[in-house]
N, C-alpha and C. Protein backbone atom coordinates (compact mmCIF):
# COMPACT_ATOMS: atom_id res chain seq x y z
N UNK A 1 112.89 -34.43 -21.24
CA UNK A 1 111.95 -33.46 -21.31
C UNK A 1 110.71 -34.42 -22.88
N UNK A 2 110.58 -33.33 -22.68
CA UNK A 2 109.24 -34.01 -24.07
C UNK A 2 109.55 -34.16 -25.20
N UNK A 3 108.55 -33.97 -25.93
CA UNK A 3 108.75 -33.95 -27.72
C UNK A 3 108.93 -33.41 -28.13
N UNK A 4 108.69 -32.02 -27.87
CA UNK A 4 108.97 -31.00 -28.62
C UNK A 4 110.57 -30.75 -28.70
N UNK A 5 110.92 -30.80 -27.36
CA UNK A 5 112.41 -30.60 -27.53
C UNK A 5 113.32 -31.75 -27.74
N UNK A 6 112.95 -32.93 -27.73
CA UNK A 6 113.37 -33.99 -28.34
C UNK A 6 113.65 -34.13 -29.47
N UNK A 7 112.90 -33.43 -30.32
CA UNK A 7 112.90 -33.25 -31.42
C UNK A 7 113.33 -32.31 -31.86
N UNK A 8 113.07 -31.28 -31.66
CA UNK A 8 113.12 -29.70 -32.46
C UNK A 8 115.05 -29.56 -31.61
N UNK A 9 115.36 -30.26 -30.91
CA UNK A 9 116.58 -29.67 -30.52
C UNK A 9 118.23 -31.12 -31.31
N UNK A 10 117.11 -32.26 -31.14
CA UNK A 10 118.11 -32.87 -31.93
C UNK A 10 119.15 -33.63 -30.98
N UNK A 11 118.60 -33.90 -29.13
CA UNK A 11 119.80 -33.66 -28.70
C UNK A 11 119.66 -35.35 -28.08
N UNK A 12 120.41 -36.01 -27.31
CA UNK A 12 120.34 -37.20 -27.01
C UNK A 12 119.78 -37.69 -26.20
N UNK A 13 119.50 -36.61 -25.18
CA UNK A 13 119.55 -37.23 -23.78
C UNK A 13 118.25 -36.18 -22.98
N UNK A 14 117.69 -36.38 -21.99
CA UNK A 14 117.43 -35.19 -21.10
C UNK A 14 118.18 -34.04 -20.61
N UNK A 15 119.44 -35.39 -20.39
CA UNK A 15 120.18 -34.11 -19.15
C UNK A 15 121.01 -33.22 -19.80
N UNK A 16 120.92 -33.13 -21.06
CA UNK A 16 121.49 -31.86 -22.51
C UNK A 16 120.92 -31.17 -22.33
N UNK A 17 119.55 -31.04 -22.08
CA UNK A 17 118.31 -30.27 -22.34
C UNK A 17 118.66 -29.65 -21.35
N UNK A 18 118.36 -30.38 -19.62
CA UNK A 18 118.72 -29.32 -18.71
C UNK A 18 120.01 -28.76 -18.65
N UNK A 19 120.70 -29.30 -19.34
CA UNK A 19 122.36 -28.27 -19.15
C UNK A 19 122.42 -27.25 -20.33
N UNK A 20 121.40 -27.22 -21.15
CA UNK A 20 121.28 -25.99 -22.06
C UNK A 20 120.72 -24.71 -21.43
N UNK A 21 122.02 -24.59 -22.41
CA UNK A 21 121.25 -22.95 -21.93
C UNK A 21 120.39 -21.85 -22.85
N UNK A 22 118.95 -21.74 -22.48
CA UNK A 22 118.72 -20.97 -23.33
C UNK A 22 118.07 -21.54 -24.39
N UNK A 23 117.72 -22.90 -24.32
CA UNK A 23 117.57 -23.93 -25.67
C UNK A 23 115.81 -23.21 -25.75
N UNK A 24 115.27 -23.19 -27.11
CA UNK A 24 114.31 -22.51 -27.40
C UNK A 24 113.39 -22.99 -28.62
N UNK A 25 112.40 -23.39 -28.06
CA UNK A 25 111.66 -24.32 -29.19
C UNK A 25 110.22 -23.25 -29.65
N UNK A 26 109.86 -22.89 -30.71
CA UNK A 26 108.59 -21.94 -31.12
C UNK A 26 107.69 -22.89 -31.76
N UNK A 27 106.38 -23.08 -31.40
CA UNK A 27 105.47 -23.95 -32.51
C UNK A 27 104.56 -22.99 -32.94
N UNK A 28 103.80 -22.94 -33.78
CA UNK A 28 102.57 -22.42 -34.23
C UNK A 28 101.30 -23.13 -34.74
N UNK A 29 100.17 -22.83 -34.34
CA UNK A 29 99.37 -23.41 -34.63
C UNK A 29 98.16 -22.30 -35.97
N UNK A 30 98.00 -22.77 -37.22
CA UNK A 30 97.23 -24.49 -36.89
C UNK A 30 97.60 -25.37 -37.23
N UNK A 31 99.60 -24.83 -38.05
CA UNK A 31 100.13 -25.51 -38.65
C UNK A 31 100.84 -26.80 -37.91
N UNK A 32 101.13 -26.39 -36.68
CA UNK A 32 101.31 -27.38 -35.17
C UNK A 32 100.15 -27.74 -34.48
N UNK A 33 100.36 -28.89 -33.87
CA UNK A 33 99.07 -29.53 -32.76
C UNK A 33 99.82 -28.70 -31.30
N UNK A 34 99.27 -27.83 -31.18
CA UNK A 34 99.64 -26.68 -30.05
C UNK A 34 99.42 -27.96 -28.81
N UNK A 35 98.39 -28.93 -28.66
CA UNK A 35 97.65 -29.76 -27.84
C UNK A 35 98.27 -30.46 -27.69
N UNK A 36 98.89 -31.33 -28.50
CA UNK A 36 99.71 -32.73 -28.55
C UNK A 36 101.14 -31.72 -27.64
N UNK A 37 101.64 -30.98 -28.33
CA UNK A 37 103.15 -30.51 -27.54
C UNK A 37 103.00 -29.88 -25.83
N UNK A 38 102.19 -29.48 -26.17
CA UNK A 38 101.54 -29.40 -24.58
C UNK A 38 101.50 -30.53 -23.44
N UNK A 39 100.94 -31.61 -23.60
CA UNK A 39 100.46 -32.61 -23.45
C UNK A 39 101.66 -33.68 -23.28
N UNK A 40 102.43 -33.60 -24.25
CA UNK A 40 103.55 -34.38 -23.93
C UNK A 40 104.49 -34.05 -23.35
N UNK A 41 104.64 -32.10 -23.03
CA UNK A 41 105.18 -31.80 -21.96
C UNK A 41 105.28 -32.03 -20.76
N UNK A 42 103.57 -31.61 -20.82
CA UNK A 42 103.11 -32.21 -18.96
C UNK A 42 102.99 -33.77 -18.46
N UNK A 43 103.50 -34.43 -19.58
CA UNK A 43 103.58 -35.63 -19.00
C UNK A 43 104.90 -36.30 -18.53
N UNK A 44 105.78 -35.21 -18.52
CA UNK A 44 106.74 -35.57 -18.38
C UNK A 44 107.12 -35.18 -16.81
N UNK A 45 106.45 -34.43 -16.51
CA UNK A 45 106.27 -33.78 -15.24
C UNK A 45 106.51 -35.02 -14.15
N UNK A 46 107.61 -34.72 -13.19
CA UNK A 46 107.93 -35.72 -12.13
C UNK A 46 107.30 -35.18 -10.36
N UNK A 47 107.79 -33.56 -10.73
CA UNK A 47 107.49 -33.18 -9.26
C UNK A 47 106.42 -32.02 -9.03
N UNK A 48 106.39 -31.32 -10.22
CA UNK A 48 105.40 -29.82 -9.92
C UNK A 48 105.57 -29.48 -12.09
N UNK A 49 104.27 -28.62 -11.47
CA UNK A 49 103.30 -27.86 -12.57
C UNK A 49 102.75 -26.77 -11.94
N UNK A 50 103.43 -25.69 -12.17
CA UNK A 50 102.99 -24.12 -11.51
C UNK A 50 102.27 -23.77 -13.55
N UNK A 51 101.15 -23.55 -13.41
CA UNK A 51 100.29 -23.30 -14.64
C UNK A 51 99.52 -21.92 -14.37
N UNK A 52 99.65 -20.85 -15.14
CA UNK A 52 98.71 -19.59 -15.43
C UNK A 52 98.35 -19.74 -16.48
N UNK A 53 96.96 -19.77 -16.20
CA UNK A 53 95.76 -19.80 -17.57
C UNK A 53 94.88 -18.82 -17.57
N UNK A 54 94.87 -18.00 -18.42
CA UNK A 54 93.44 -17.61 -19.45
C UNK A 54 92.36 -18.44 -19.23
N UNK A 55 92.17 -19.39 -19.95
CA UNK A 55 90.99 -20.22 -20.28
C UNK A 55 92.09 -21.64 -20.28
N UNK A 56 91.35 -22.31 -19.37
CA UNK A 56 91.70 -23.78 -19.45
C UNK A 56 90.17 -24.72 -19.20
N UNK A 57 90.48 -25.51 -20.91
CA UNK A 57 88.82 -25.76 -20.70
C UNK A 57 89.07 -26.72 -22.19
N UNK A 58 90.64 -27.36 -22.65
CA UNK A 58 91.22 -27.79 -23.17
C UNK A 58 91.16 -29.63 -22.26
N UNK A 59 90.15 -30.89 -23.26
CA UNK A 59 90.08 -31.74 -22.50
C UNK A 59 91.57 -32.96 -22.15
N UNK A 60 92.20 -32.79 -23.31
CA UNK A 60 93.44 -33.60 -23.20
C UNK A 60 94.52 -32.55 -22.26
N UNK A 61 94.96 -31.52 -22.23
CA UNK A 61 95.78 -31.11 -21.09
C UNK A 61 95.21 -31.12 -19.86
N UNK A 62 93.68 -30.99 -19.65
CA UNK A 62 93.12 -31.51 -18.28
C UNK A 62 93.33 -33.04 -17.87
N UNK A 63 93.49 -33.93 -19.21
CA UNK A 63 93.52 -35.31 -18.56
C UNK A 63 94.87 -35.48 -17.95
N UNK A 64 95.57 -34.38 -19.13
CA UNK A 64 97.16 -34.87 -18.45
C UNK A 64 97.45 -34.46 -17.04
N UNK A 65 96.93 -33.28 -16.43
CA UNK A 65 97.62 -32.62 -15.31
C UNK A 65 96.55 -33.69 -14.28
N UNK A 66 95.46 -34.54 -14.74
CA UNK A 66 94.67 -35.05 -14.24
C UNK A 66 96.10 -36.58 -13.37
N UNK A 67 96.51 -37.16 -14.93
CA UNK A 67 97.30 -38.15 -14.59
C UNK A 67 98.74 -37.43 -13.61
N UNK A 68 98.58 -36.55 -14.01
CA UNK A 68 100.12 -36.27 -13.30
C UNK A 68 100.40 -36.23 -12.00
N UNK A 69 98.95 -35.35 -11.48
CA UNK A 69 98.54 -35.52 -9.96
C UNK A 69 98.00 -37.01 -9.82
N UNK A 70 97.75 -38.27 -10.28
CA UNK A 70 97.64 -38.80 -9.64
C UNK A 70 99.33 -40.12 -9.54
N UNK A 71 99.88 -39.32 -10.32
CA UNK A 71 101.57 -39.90 -10.15
C UNK A 71 102.05 -39.20 -8.72
N UNK A 72 101.53 -38.32 -8.57
CA UNK A 72 102.19 -37.62 -7.02
C UNK A 72 102.61 -35.88 -7.52
N UNK A 73 102.54 -35.42 -8.87
CA UNK A 73 102.71 -34.18 -9.25
C UNK A 73 101.91 -33.34 -8.83
N UNK A 74 102.64 -32.55 -7.71
CA UNK A 74 102.21 -30.74 -7.16
C UNK A 74 101.89 -30.08 -8.35
N UNK A 75 100.57 -29.99 -8.67
CA UNK A 75 100.29 -28.81 -9.67
C UNK A 75 99.16 -27.47 -9.23
N UNK A 76 100.04 -26.54 -9.39
CA UNK A 76 99.26 -25.53 -8.85
C UNK A 76 98.62 -24.39 -10.13
N UNK A 77 97.42 -24.21 -10.50
CA UNK A 77 96.72 -23.78 -11.20
C UNK A 77 96.04 -22.14 -10.73
N UNK A 78 96.58 -20.81 -11.72
CA UNK A 78 95.96 -19.58 -11.23
C UNK A 78 95.34 -19.35 -12.51
N UNK A 79 94.03 -18.49 -12.35
CA UNK A 79 93.39 -18.45 -13.41
C UNK A 79 92.79 -17.42 -13.19
N UNK A 80 91.96 -16.73 -14.49
CA UNK A 80 91.36 -15.28 -14.26
C UNK A 80 89.90 -15.36 -14.03
N UNK A 81 89.71 -14.44 -12.97
CA UNK A 81 88.20 -14.53 -12.80
C UNK A 81 87.05 -14.29 -13.62
N UNK A 82 87.30 -13.39 -14.16
CA UNK A 82 86.44 -13.02 -15.36
C UNK A 82 86.32 -14.16 -16.47
N UNK A 83 87.10 -14.72 -17.20
CA UNK A 83 87.34 -16.17 -17.95
C UNK A 83 86.62 -17.09 -17.66
N UNK A 84 86.94 -17.29 -15.51
CA UNK A 84 86.69 -18.54 -15.46
C UNK A 84 85.25 -18.51 -15.30
N UNK A 85 84.58 -17.10 -15.06
CA UNK A 85 83.00 -17.52 -14.53
C UNK A 85 81.85 -17.08 -16.11
N UNK A 86 83.08 -16.94 -17.11
CA UNK A 86 82.20 -17.00 -18.52
C UNK A 86 82.17 -18.35 -19.02
N UNK A 87 83.69 -19.40 -18.57
CA UNK A 87 83.04 -20.74 -18.95
C UNK A 87 82.34 -21.57 -18.20
N UNK A 88 81.91 -20.78 -16.85
CA UNK A 88 81.39 -21.74 -15.81
C UNK A 88 80.13 -20.99 -16.08
N UNK A 89 79.16 -20.52 -16.65
CA UNK A 89 78.17 -20.03 -16.41
C UNK A 89 77.13 -20.01 -15.99
N UNK A 90 77.88 -19.57 -14.59
CA UNK A 90 76.89 -19.52 -13.12
C UNK A 90 76.57 -20.67 -12.87
N UNK A 91 77.63 -22.04 -12.86
CA UNK A 91 77.53 -23.31 -12.66
C UNK A 91 78.76 -23.21 -11.43
N UNK A 92 78.33 -23.27 -9.91
CA UNK A 92 79.34 -23.43 -9.32
C UNK A 92 80.38 -24.49 -9.22
N UNK A 93 79.76 -25.52 -9.95
CA UNK A 93 80.81 -26.83 -9.77
C UNK A 93 81.65 -26.84 -10.84
N UNK A 94 81.51 -26.18 -11.89
CA UNK A 94 81.60 -26.00 -13.38
C UNK A 94 82.09 -27.22 -13.81
N UNK A 95 80.86 -27.97 -14.03
CA UNK A 95 80.40 -29.47 -14.18
C UNK A 95 80.57 -29.68 -15.76
N UNK A 96 80.16 -28.95 -16.72
CA UNK A 96 79.82 -29.25 -18.18
C UNK A 96 81.66 -28.31 -18.59
N UNK A 97 82.06 -28.01 -17.74
CA UNK A 97 83.79 -28.00 -18.58
C UNK A 97 84.87 -29.01 -18.08
N UNK A 98 85.85 -28.99 -18.86
CA UNK A 98 87.18 -30.27 -18.60
C UNK A 98 87.51 -29.67 -16.90
N UNK A 99 87.68 -28.55 -16.85
CA UNK A 99 88.44 -27.68 -15.63
C UNK A 99 87.87 -28.43 -14.14
N UNK A 100 86.48 -29.28 -14.11
CA UNK A 100 85.70 -29.67 -12.96
C UNK A 100 86.51 -30.94 -12.46
N UNK A 101 87.04 -31.72 -13.73
CA UNK A 101 88.06 -32.73 -13.26
C UNK A 101 88.99 -31.98 -12.33
N UNK A 102 89.44 -31.38 -12.64
CA UNK A 102 90.48 -30.65 -11.42
C UNK A 102 90.18 -30.28 -10.08
N UNK A 103 89.49 -29.58 -9.81
CA UNK A 103 88.67 -28.63 -9.09
C UNK A 103 88.38 -29.88 -7.50
N UNK A 104 89.23 -29.68 -6.97
CA UNK A 104 89.36 -30.66 -5.24
C UNK A 104 90.17 -31.59 -5.55
N UNK A 105 90.44 -31.98 -6.24
CA UNK A 105 91.43 -33.33 -7.30
C UNK A 105 92.87 -33.05 -5.85
N UNK A 106 93.04 -34.45 -6.09
CA UNK A 106 94.21 -34.08 -4.47
C UNK A 106 95.61 -33.93 -5.12
N UNK A 107 96.52 -33.13 -4.67
CA UNK A 107 97.36 -32.88 -5.42
C UNK A 107 97.40 -31.71 -6.00
N UNK A 108 96.01 -31.07 -6.87
CA UNK A 108 95.92 -30.06 -7.57
C UNK A 108 95.51 -28.52 -6.25
N UNK A 109 95.93 -27.74 -6.22
CA UNK A 109 95.91 -26.23 -5.62
C UNK A 109 95.51 -25.51 -7.22
N UNK A 110 94.10 -25.10 -6.78
CA UNK A 110 93.77 -23.58 -8.02
C UNK A 110 92.91 -22.59 -6.99
N UNK A 111 94.28 -21.27 -8.02
CA UNK A 111 94.01 -20.11 -6.70
C UNK A 111 93.18 -19.07 -7.89
N UNK A 112 92.20 -17.89 -7.64
CA UNK A 112 91.66 -17.35 -9.04
C UNK A 112 91.96 -15.90 -8.51
N UNK A 113 92.73 -14.98 -9.79
CA UNK A 113 92.76 -13.52 -9.69
C UNK A 113 91.72 -13.52 -8.97
N UNK A 114 91.56 -12.09 -8.23
CA UNK A 114 90.25 -11.40 -7.79
C UNK A 114 89.47 -10.35 -8.44
N UNK A 115 90.96 -9.66 -9.05
CA UNK A 115 90.71 -8.48 -9.42
C UNK A 115 89.52 -8.83 -10.96
N UNK A 116 89.72 -7.99 -11.38
CA UNK A 116 88.73 -7.63 -12.94
C UNK A 116 89.46 -7.38 -13.92
N UNK A 117 91.28 -6.98 -13.49
CA UNK A 117 91.95 -6.88 -14.21
C UNK A 117 92.40 -8.51 -15.46
N UNK A 118 92.37 -8.03 -16.43
CA UNK A 118 92.90 -9.74 -16.49
C UNK A 118 94.01 -10.41 -16.13
N UNK A 119 93.99 -11.35 -15.68
CA UNK A 119 95.47 -12.21 -16.36
C UNK A 119 95.27 -12.95 -17.17
N UNK A 120 96.32 -12.69 -17.94
CA UNK A 120 96.26 -12.99 -19.31
C UNK A 120 97.34 -13.68 -19.57
N UNK A 121 98.11 -14.36 -18.42
CA UNK A 121 99.08 -15.72 -18.65
C UNK A 121 98.78 -16.89 -19.53
N UNK A 122 99.56 -17.31 -20.63
CA UNK A 122 99.03 -18.92 -21.02
C UNK A 122 100.54 -19.30 -20.54
N UNK A 123 100.85 -19.64 -19.48
CA UNK A 123 101.81 -20.46 -19.52
C UNK A 123 101.85 -21.16 -18.32
N UNK A 124 103.40 -22.16 -18.21
CA UNK A 124 103.11 -23.27 -17.04
C UNK A 124 104.49 -23.48 -17.55
N UNK A 125 105.36 -23.94 -16.16
CA UNK A 125 106.68 -24.48 -15.67
C UNK A 125 106.41 -25.99 -15.27
N UNK A 126 107.53 -26.93 -15.84
CA UNK A 126 107.18 -28.19 -15.35
C UNK A 126 108.77 -28.71 -14.79
N UNK A 127 108.64 -28.52 -13.35
CA UNK A 127 109.73 -29.29 -12.71
C UNK A 127 110.72 -28.00 -12.41
N UNK A 128 110.81 -26.81 -12.82
CA UNK A 128 111.32 -25.77 -12.23
C UNK A 128 112.69 -25.97 -13.82
N UNK A 129 111.89 -26.48 -14.85
CA UNK A 129 113.26 -26.60 -15.52
C UNK A 129 112.41 -26.61 -17.21
N UNK A 130 111.25 -26.69 -17.51
CA UNK A 130 111.05 -26.77 -18.39
C UNK A 130 109.67 -24.97 -18.35
N UNK A 131 109.96 -24.04 -19.90
CA UNK A 131 108.62 -23.26 -19.59
C UNK A 131 108.37 -23.46 -20.80
N UNK A 132 107.11 -23.19 -21.13
CA UNK A 132 105.86 -23.10 -22.04
C UNK A 132 104.86 -21.51 -21.65
N UNK A 133 105.21 -20.76 -22.97
CA UNK A 133 104.86 -19.44 -22.78
C UNK A 133 103.98 -18.88 -23.91
N UNK A 134 103.00 -18.31 -24.53
CA UNK A 134 102.94 -17.69 -25.88
C UNK A 134 101.47 -17.47 -26.08
N UNK A 135 100.60 -17.50 -27.25
CA UNK A 135 99.22 -16.55 -27.18
C UNK A 135 98.42 -17.34 -27.30
N UNK A 136 98.98 -18.98 -27.01
CA UNK A 136 97.89 -19.73 -27.15
C UNK A 136 96.90 -19.97 -25.70
N UNK A 137 95.65 -19.99 -25.92
CA UNK A 137 95.03 -20.53 -24.48
C UNK A 137 95.49 -21.75 -24.38
N UNK A 138 95.15 -22.27 -23.13
CA UNK A 138 94.92 -23.50 -23.17
C UNK A 138 93.25 -24.24 -23.45
N UNK A 139 92.51 -24.15 -24.74
CA UNK A 139 91.59 -24.20 -24.92
C UNK A 139 91.87 -25.01 -26.60
N UNK A 140 91.18 -26.28 -26.93
CA UNK A 140 90.83 -27.49 -28.57
C UNK A 140 91.20 -25.51 -29.77
N UNK A 141 90.19 -24.75 -29.35
CA UNK A 141 90.58 -23.73 -30.34
C UNK A 141 91.88 -22.33 -30.27
N UNK A 142 92.46 -22.69 -29.69
CA UNK A 142 93.53 -21.77 -29.17
C UNK A 142 94.70 -22.68 -29.47
N UNK A 143 94.20 -24.11 -29.16
CA UNK A 143 95.85 -24.78 -29.09
C UNK A 143 95.77 -25.76 -30.88
N UNK A 144 94.58 -25.62 -31.90
CA UNK A 144 94.69 -26.55 -32.62
C UNK A 144 94.46 -25.62 -34.05
N UNK A 145 93.05 -24.13 -33.86
CA UNK A 145 92.95 -23.67 -34.61
C UNK A 145 93.16 -22.53 -34.74
N UNK A 146 93.46 -21.29 -33.92
CA UNK A 146 93.74 -20.25 -34.33
C UNK A 146 95.28 -19.67 -34.53
N UNK A 147 95.28 -18.94 -35.05
CA UNK A 147 97.03 -18.94 -35.20
C UNK A 147 97.52 -18.43 -33.51
N UNK A 148 98.01 -18.93 -33.35
CA UNK A 148 98.69 -18.77 -32.21
C UNK A 148 100.03 -19.70 -31.97
N UNK A 149 100.77 -19.05 -30.70
CA UNK A 149 102.07 -19.73 -30.35
C UNK A 149 102.22 -20.28 -29.25
N UNK A 150 103.20 -21.22 -29.30
CA UNK A 150 103.73 -21.53 -27.76
C UNK A 150 105.35 -22.07 -28.09
N UNK A 151 106.43 -21.06 -27.23
CA UNK A 151 107.25 -21.25 -26.95
C UNK A 151 107.91 -21.86 -25.19
N UNK A 152 108.62 -22.78 -25.96
CA UNK A 152 109.13 -23.69 -24.67
C UNK A 152 110.43 -23.39 -24.45
N UNK A 153 111.16 -23.53 -23.47
CA UNK A 153 112.06 -23.04 -23.08
C UNK A 153 112.88 -23.77 -21.81
N UNK A 154 113.83 -23.73 -22.10
CA UNK A 154 114.83 -24.34 -20.76
C UNK A 154 116.08 -23.63 -21.22
N UNK A 155 116.20 -22.72 -19.61
CA UNK A 155 116.85 -21.84 -19.45
C UNK A 155 116.86 -21.39 -17.72
N UNK A 156 117.81 -21.69 -16.98
CA UNK A 156 117.18 -21.56 -15.63
C UNK A 156 117.43 -19.73 -15.55
N UNK A 157 117.50 -18.68 -16.23
CA UNK A 157 116.90 -17.25 -15.66
C UNK A 157 115.65 -17.24 -16.80
N UNK A 158 115.32 -17.89 -17.23
CA UNK A 158 113.95 -17.55 -17.90
C UNK A 158 112.79 -18.18 -16.65
N UNK A 159 112.98 -19.81 -16.70
CA UNK A 159 112.28 -20.27 -15.72
C UNK A 159 112.22 -19.34 -14.26
N UNK A 160 113.75 -18.98 -13.90
CA UNK A 160 113.33 -18.33 -12.80
C UNK A 160 111.90 -17.29 -12.39
N UNK A 161 112.40 -16.50 -13.73
CA UNK A 161 111.56 -15.03 -13.69
C UNK A 161 110.31 -15.12 -13.90
N UNK A 162 109.86 -16.45 -14.31
CA UNK A 162 108.42 -16.98 -14.52
C UNK A 162 108.02 -17.51 -12.97
N UNK A 163 108.80 -18.30 -12.78
CA UNK A 163 108.11 -18.44 -11.02
C UNK A 163 107.99 -17.64 -10.17
N UNK A 164 109.04 -16.63 -10.18
CA UNK A 164 108.83 -15.32 -9.13
C UNK A 164 108.12 -15.05 -10.10
N UNK A 165 107.25 -14.59 -10.87
CA UNK A 165 105.97 -14.00 -11.25
C UNK A 165 104.85 -14.60 -11.07
N UNK A 166 104.78 -16.08 -11.00
CA UNK A 166 104.10 -16.94 -10.77
C UNK A 166 104.10 -16.48 -9.07
N UNK A 167 104.64 -17.12 -7.86
CA UNK A 167 104.40 -17.01 -6.88
C UNK A 167 104.14 -15.21 -6.62
N UNK A 168 104.39 -14.28 -6.91
CA UNK A 168 104.05 -12.89 -6.50
C UNK A 168 102.56 -13.28 -6.97
N UNK A 169 101.82 -13.39 -7.82
CA UNK A 169 100.45 -13.86 -8.23
C UNK A 169 99.73 -15.07 -7.17
N UNK A 170 100.33 -15.72 -6.94
CA UNK A 170 100.10 -17.07 -6.49
C UNK A 170 99.84 -17.04 -5.02
N UNK A 171 100.86 -15.73 -4.31
CA UNK A 171 100.36 -15.25 -2.76
C UNK A 171 99.78 -14.49 -2.79
N UNK A 172 99.18 -13.66 -3.60
CA UNK A 172 98.53 -12.00 -3.74
C UNK A 172 96.94 -12.58 -2.60
N UNK A 173 97.23 -11.68 -1.55
CA UNK A 173 96.30 -11.77 -0.29
C UNK A 173 94.50 -11.84 -0.45
N UNK A 174 94.31 -11.42 -2.05
CA UNK A 174 93.07 -11.00 -2.57
C UNK A 174 92.78 -12.40 -3.14
N UNK A 175 93.24 -13.25 -3.66
CA UNK A 175 93.12 -14.65 -4.44
C UNK A 175 92.01 -15.30 -3.82
N UNK A 176 90.96 -15.85 -4.33
CA UNK A 176 89.68 -16.73 -4.37
C UNK A 176 90.18 -18.31 -4.68
N UNK A 177 88.71 -19.10 -4.31
CA UNK A 177 88.92 -20.02 -4.47
C UNK A 177 88.08 -19.99 -5.52
N UNK A 178 87.73 -21.42 -6.20
CA UNK A 178 87.08 -21.28 -7.40
C UNK A 178 85.52 -20.81 -7.16
N UNK A 179 85.10 -21.81 -5.96
CA UNK A 179 83.86 -21.29 -5.59
C UNK A 179 83.58 -19.85 -5.47
N UNK A 180 84.45 -19.29 -4.44
CA UNK A 180 84.21 -17.27 -4.36
C UNK A 180 83.94 -17.08 -5.30
N UNK A 181 85.61 -17.27 -6.47
CA UNK A 181 85.17 -16.47 -7.69
C UNK A 181 84.08 -16.36 -8.51
N UNK A 182 82.82 -17.57 -8.43
CA UNK A 182 81.66 -18.03 -9.12
C UNK A 182 80.67 -17.35 -8.70
N UNK A 183 81.07 -17.14 -7.09
CA UNK A 183 79.91 -16.22 -6.27
C UNK A 183 80.26 -14.77 -6.21
N UNK A 184 81.22 -13.98 -6.85
CA UNK A 184 81.60 -12.80 -6.65
C UNK A 184 81.42 -12.03 -8.22
N UNK A 185 80.42 -11.32 -8.07
CA UNK A 185 79.39 -10.36 -8.84
C UNK A 185 80.89 -9.56 -10.18
């Protein structure tokens, strides 16, 4: 696992973490740099990253996802339509924000919630093993400056619960692509 659990839990190996029951570490910004913790945890992904992001504008996190995709990790990203529209500001390519690097990238699928009801999760699951959840958006402000939290959990039940919710959102029949979301009023 990544740095957060390695340091917080003081365990000798990754294998110990995988078998730990509900191992939990909660970090708080701005006292702790949540961006760094997220980058470290994403960087250990070997197979999958499922990410639900209200906002995804943090360059370091996008870079970590791009790197993992380049190493064959399957990345699925689920976004909020209203926030995506606000971040892209009418630019159908989102060229002004870091997310642009992930759009159309091999190994990366992005779906956008159609409904105007917020998709407000700020969570990801790495390799069906580690769950990150909390109040911090995946933005530089949310990760470094604002009063936010990120909780990292290793626990089969918690991970399975998130993955069931993610699957439910991912397969909504009215989900949009990024291009469709930006073209939808």
